[in-house]
Amino acid sequence: MVMNVGEVMGKVAIAVQLDTSFADLVETMRRFKVGAVAVIDPDRRPVGVVSAHDLLLKEITAPGDGGVFEGARRRRERAKAEGGTAGQVMTTPAITVTEATPVREAARIMHDHHVRQLPVIDAGGKIVGTVHQSDLLKIFMRPPSDVRADVEDAVWRATVDPEALSITVDHGMVSLQGKVPLRSQVVKVVEGVLAIDGVIQVDDQLGYETDDMATVPPLFLSWRGGGPWPV
């Protein structure tokens, strides 16, 4: 089973309007103890995000600093530092996910964009909640019985009977023992189990009866008689 964002997300979204003042942004983050808030338009669609980093630019950017050779990134930071509303200091575009987004994909997005939370939107693009890094960790708290059921499904998909194997699930560690008909089935079983949400590591102790993945060297034949190959 693949866990989706909708199963782990928080149903409360901390969001502000485009015209929210700088002071109110600070107070909102302090009050709700969050490091970022989504910025929404009048239709409740996220258009950006304001993080603590965005706000602190006002503190670390000196007035009148910069010059002709200032880079594009530095100019954007200066514009934010001089801004007074959420719309002026936010980072755009807003990076969002839906309730149907797999937890693994949400984790990848957070990693790639160096963020710790993501606004969750519905089919119409309106914000319906927020998913945090800590929410994604729930994937490792799945009941062992659920993980084992998924492991058995993965074994079946590799055309192996789970009853022929010894399967142990313990705190995200899956141990597999037994023998399967083909070496290629071992690969399929292990890959399938590793793809299961909640599985941290696989202890593969599987054997096989036939090595169907062995490479056979080409048959080398030579004809020393000269002329065409005899028939």
Protein backbone atom coordinates (compact mmCIF):
# COMPACT_ATOMS: atom_id res chain seq x y z
CA MET A 1 0.00 0.00 0.00
CA VAL A 2 1.25 3.48 -0.86
CA MET A 3 0.58 6.10 1.80
CA ASN A 4 -0.62 9.47 0.53
CA VAL A 5 -0.30 12.97 1.96
CA GLY A 6 -3.99 12.96 2.88
CA GLU A 7 -3.34 10.20 5.42
CA VAL A 8 -0.67 12.10 7.37
CA MET A 9 -1.29 15.82 6.78
CA GLY A 10 -2.57 18.39 9.22
CA LYS A 11 -6.07 19.60 8.41
CA VAL A 12 -5.32 23.15 9.57
CA ALA A 13 -3.52 25.47 7.16
CA ILE A 14 -1.70 28.51 8.52
CA ALA A 15 -2.10 31.04 5.71
CA VAL A 16 -2.13 34.79 5.26
CA GLN A 17 -3.45 37.21 2.66
CA LEU A 18 -1.26 39.09 0.19
CA ASP A 19 -1.73 42.37 2.07
CA THR A 20 -0.83 40.98 5.50
CA SER A 21 1.64 43.36 7.15
CA PHE A 22 5.20 42.44 8.08
CA ALA A 23 4.40 42.79 11.78
CA ASP A 24 1.39 40.47 11.46
CA LEU A 25 3.52 37.91 9.61
CA VAL A 26 5.96 37.83 12.51
CA GLU A 27 3.13 37.54 15.03
CA THR A 28 1.45 34.73 13.07
CA MET A 29 4.63 32.66 12.95
CA ARG A 30 5.33 33.29 16.62
CA ARG A 31 1.78 32.52 17.72
CA PHE A 32 1.47 29.24 15.80
CA LYS A 33 5.14 28.26 16.26
CA VAL A 34 5.75 27.68 12.53
CA GLY A 35 8.74 28.52 10.35
CA ALA A 36 6.71 29.44 7.28
CA VAL A 37 3.19 30.40 6.21
CA ALA A 38 1.42 30.10 2.87
CA VAL A 39 0.27 33.27 1.11
CA ILE A 40 -3.13 32.92 -0.55
CA ASP A 41 -5.11 34.99 -3.04
CA PRO A 42 -8.77 35.97 -2.49
CA ASP A 43 -9.84 32.53 -3.79
CA ARG A 44 -7.71 30.72 -1.16
CA ARG A 45 -5.20 29.55 -3.76
CA PRO A 46 -1.54 29.55 -2.59
CA VAL A 47 0.57 32.01 -4.57
CA GLY A 48 3.70 31.99 -2.45
CA VAL A 49 5.26 31.21 0.90
CA VAL A 50 6.83 33.45 3.52
CA SER A 51 9.50 31.79 5.64
CA ALA A 52 11.46 33.03 8.61
CA HIS A 53 14.42 33.36 6.23
CA ASP A 54 12.42 35.79 4.08
CA LEU A 55 11.63 37.93 7.13
CA LEU A 56 15.18 37.92 8.46
CA LEU A 57 16.44 39.45 5.22
CA LYS A 58 15.18 42.77 6.59
CA GLU A 59 17.53 42.36 9.55
CA ILE A 60 20.67 41.30 7.66
CA THR A 61 20.37 43.61 4.63
CA ALA A 62 21.88 47.04 5.24
CA PRO A 63 20.10 50.09 3.71
CA GLY A 64 21.90 51.47 0.69
CA ASP A 65 23.97 48.32 0.27
CA GLY A 66 24.55 46.94 -3.21
CA GLY A 67 25.49 48.56 -6.49
CA VAL A 68 25.67 48.28 -10.26
CA PHE A 69 27.29 44.85 -10.19
CA GLU A 70 24.82 43.35 -7.73
CA GLY A 71 23.54 39.95 -8.91
CA ALA A 72 19.92 39.03 -9.67
CA ARG A 73 19.58 36.94 -6.52
CA ARG A 74 20.91 39.73 -4.33
CA ARG A 75 18.49 42.20 -5.95
CA ARG A 76 15.57 39.87 -5.19
CA GLU A 77 16.69 39.60 -1.58
CA ARG A 78 16.99 43.38 -1.33
CA ALA A 79 13.46 43.84 -2.71
CA LYS A 80 12.15 41.43 -0.08
CA ALA A 81 14.06 43.22 2.68
CA GLU A 82 12.43 46.47 1.67
CA GLY A 83 8.94 44.93 1.47
CA GLY A 84 6.22 45.54 4.06
CA THR A 85 3.53 43.00 3.12
CA ALA A 86 3.31 39.26 2.54
CA GLY A 87 2.99 39.78 -1.20
CA GLN A 88 6.24 41.76 -1.25
CA VAL A 89 8.39 39.46 0.86
CA MET A 90 7.07 36.03 -0.17
CA THR A 91 8.93 33.44 -2.24
CA THR A 92 7.12 32.42 -5.41
CA PRO A 93 5.75 30.27 -6.87
CA ALA A 94 4.17 28.26 -4.07
CA ILE A 95 5.30 24.64 -4.09
CA THR A 96 2.24 22.53 -3.32
CA VAL A 97 1.01 18.94 -3.13
CA THR A 98 -2.43 17.34 -3.09
CA GLU A 99 -3.93 14.82 -0.71
CA ALA A 100 -3.33 12.14 -3.36
CA THR A 101 0.42 12.86 -3.58
CA PRO A 102 2.41 9.85 -2.31
CA VAL A 103 4.31 10.50 0.92
CA ARG A 104 7.56 9.48 -0.80
CA GLU A 105 6.99 12.13 -3.49
CA ALA A 106 6.24 14.80 -0.88
CA ALA A 107 9.47 13.90 0.93
CA ARG A 108 11.41 14.18 -2.34
CA ILE A 109 9.90 17.61 -3.07
CA MET A 110 10.83 18.88 0.41
CA HIS A 111 14.37 17.59 -0.02
CA ASP A 112 14.81 19.05 -3.51
CA HIS A 113 13.48 22.48 -2.53
CA HIS A 114 14.99 22.60 0.98
CA VAL A 115 11.64 23.22 2.69
CA ARG A 116 10.10 21.63 5.78
CA GLN A 117 6.42 21.99 4.98
CA LEU A 118 4.13 22.17 1.95
CA PRO A 119 0.65 23.60 1.42
CA VAL A 120 -1.89 20.94 0.45
CA ILE A 121 -4.44 21.94 -2.19
CA ASP A 122 -7.66 20.40 -3.50
CA ALA A 123 -8.65 19.78 -7.12
CA GLY A 124 -9.58 23.44 -7.51
CA GLY A 125 -6.22 24.67 -6.25
CA LYS A 126 -7.54 25.90 -2.88
CA ILE A 127 -5.56 25.28 0.27
CA VAL A 128 -6.98 22.56 2.52
CA GLY A 129 -4.11 21.86 4.90
CA THR A 130 -0.38 21.63 5.45
CA VAL A 131 2.01 18.68 5.52
CA HIS A 132 5.18 18.94 7.61
CA GLN A 133 8.33 16.84 7.63
CA SER A 134 7.27 15.44 10.99
CA ASP A 135 4.01 14.29 9.41
CA LEU A 136 5.90 12.29 6.80
CA LEU A 137 7.68 10.34 9.54
CA LYS A 138 4.36 8.61 10.28
CA ILE A 139 5.17 6.38 7.32
CA PHE A 140 7.60 4.51 9.59
CA MET A 141 4.91 3.93 12.23
CA ARG A 142 2.72 1.61 10.15
CA PRO A 143 1.47 -1.49 11.98
CA PRO A 144 3.70 -4.53 11.26
CA SER A 145 0.63 -6.47 10.10
CA ASP A 146 -0.03 -3.88 7.37
CA VAL A 147 3.59 -3.93 6.25
CA ARG A 148 3.61 -7.74 6.19
CA ALA A 149 0.46 -7.80 4.02
CA ASP A 150 2.20 -5.50 1.54
CA VAL A 151 5.32 -7.68 1.61
CA GLU A 152 3.24 -10.75 0.75
CA ASP A 153 1.63 -8.83 -2.12
CA ALA A 154 5.09 -7.90 -3.43
CA VAL A 155 6.13 -11.55 -3.27
CA TRP A 156 3.02 -12.59 -5.21
CA ARG A 157 3.78 -9.97 -7.87
CA ALA A 158 7.15 -11.65 -8.35
CA THR A 159 5.20 -14.88 -9.03
CA VAL A 160 6.43 -16.47 -5.81
CA ASP A 161 4.18 -18.09 -3.21
CA PRO A 162 4.66 -16.26 0.14
CA GLU A 163 3.93 -19.53 1.95
CA ALA A 164 7.19 -20.88 0.56
CA LEU A 165 9.19 -18.17 2.34
CA SER A 166 9.87 -17.16 5.93
CA ILE A 167 8.93 -13.46 6.28
CA THR A 168 9.68 -11.41 9.41
CA VAL A 169 8.74 -7.73 9.90
CA ASP A 170 10.22 -5.85 12.85
CA HIS A 171 10.30 -2.03 13.11
CA GLY A 172 10.69 -1.49 9.38
CA MET A 173 13.22 -4.29 8.96
CA VAL A 174 12.03 -7.12 6.69
CA SER A 175 13.82 -10.46 6.74
CA LEU A 176 13.30 -12.87 3.85
CA GLN A 177 14.42 -16.51 3.98
CA GLY A 178 13.77 -19.44 1.68
CA LYS A 179 14.32 -20.55 -1.90
CA VAL A 180 12.64 -19.42 -5.11
CA PRO A 181 12.74 -21.06 -8.56
CA LEU A 182 14.67 -18.31 -10.40
CA ARG A 183 17.41 -15.84 -9.50
CA SER A 184 15.50 -13.05 -11.30
CA GLN A 185 12.61 -13.60 -8.88
CA VAL A 186 14.91 -12.80 -5.96
CA VAL A 187 15.65 -9.43 -7.55
CA LYS A 188 11.95 -8.73 -8.13
CA VAL A 189 11.00 -9.69 -4.58
CA VAL A 190 13.65 -7.50 -2.96
CA GLU A 191 12.93 -4.51 -5.20
CA GLY A 192 9.21 -4.85 -4.56
CA VAL A 193 9.66 -5.01 -0.78
CA LEU A 194 12.02 -2.02 -0.72
CA ALA A 195 9.35 0.04 -2.50
CA ILE A 196 6.83 -0.53 0.32
CA ASP A 197 6.07 2.44 2.54
CA GLY A 198 7.43 1.84 6.02
CA VAL A 199 10.18 -0.57 4.97
CA ILE A 200 13.60 0.71 6.05
CA GLN A 201 15.82 -2.22 5.10
CA VAL A 202 15.59 -5.74 3.67
CA ASP A 203 17.65 -8.63 5.01
CA ASP A 204 17.80 -10.77 1.88
CA GLN A 205 18.65 -14.40 2.63
CA LEU A 206 16.85 -15.87 -0.37
CA GLY A 207 18.29 -18.67 -2.44
CA TYR A 208 17.32 -19.85 -5.93
CA GLU A 209 17.22 -23.08 -7.89
CA THR A 210 18.11 -21.79 -11.37
CA ASP A 211 20.31 -18.85 -12.34
CA ASP A 212 18.41 -17.36 -15.26
CA MET A 213 20.52 -14.20 -15.14
CA ALA A 214 23.89 -15.82 -15.91
CA THR A 215 25.55 -14.57 -19.09
CA VAL A 216 26.54 -17.27 -21.57
CA PRO A 217 29.72 -16.52 -23.56
CA PRO A 218 29.17 -16.57 -27.32
CA LEU A 219 30.05 -19.81 -29.10
CA PHE A 220 33.32 -19.31 -30.98
CA LEU A 221 33.74 -21.40 -34.10
CA SER A 222 36.50 -21.25 -36.65
CA TRP A 223 36.91 -22.83 -40.08
CA ARG A 224 40.48 -23.59 -40.97
CA GLY A 225 39.85 -25.12 -44.38
CA GLY A 226 39.60 -21.88 -46.29
CA GLY A 227 36.83 -21.00 -48.71
CA PRO A 228 33.15 -21.01 -47.83
CA TRP A 229 31.89 -22.52 -44.57
CA PRO A 230 31.03 -26.18 -45.25
CA VAL A 231 27.39 -27.19 -45.15
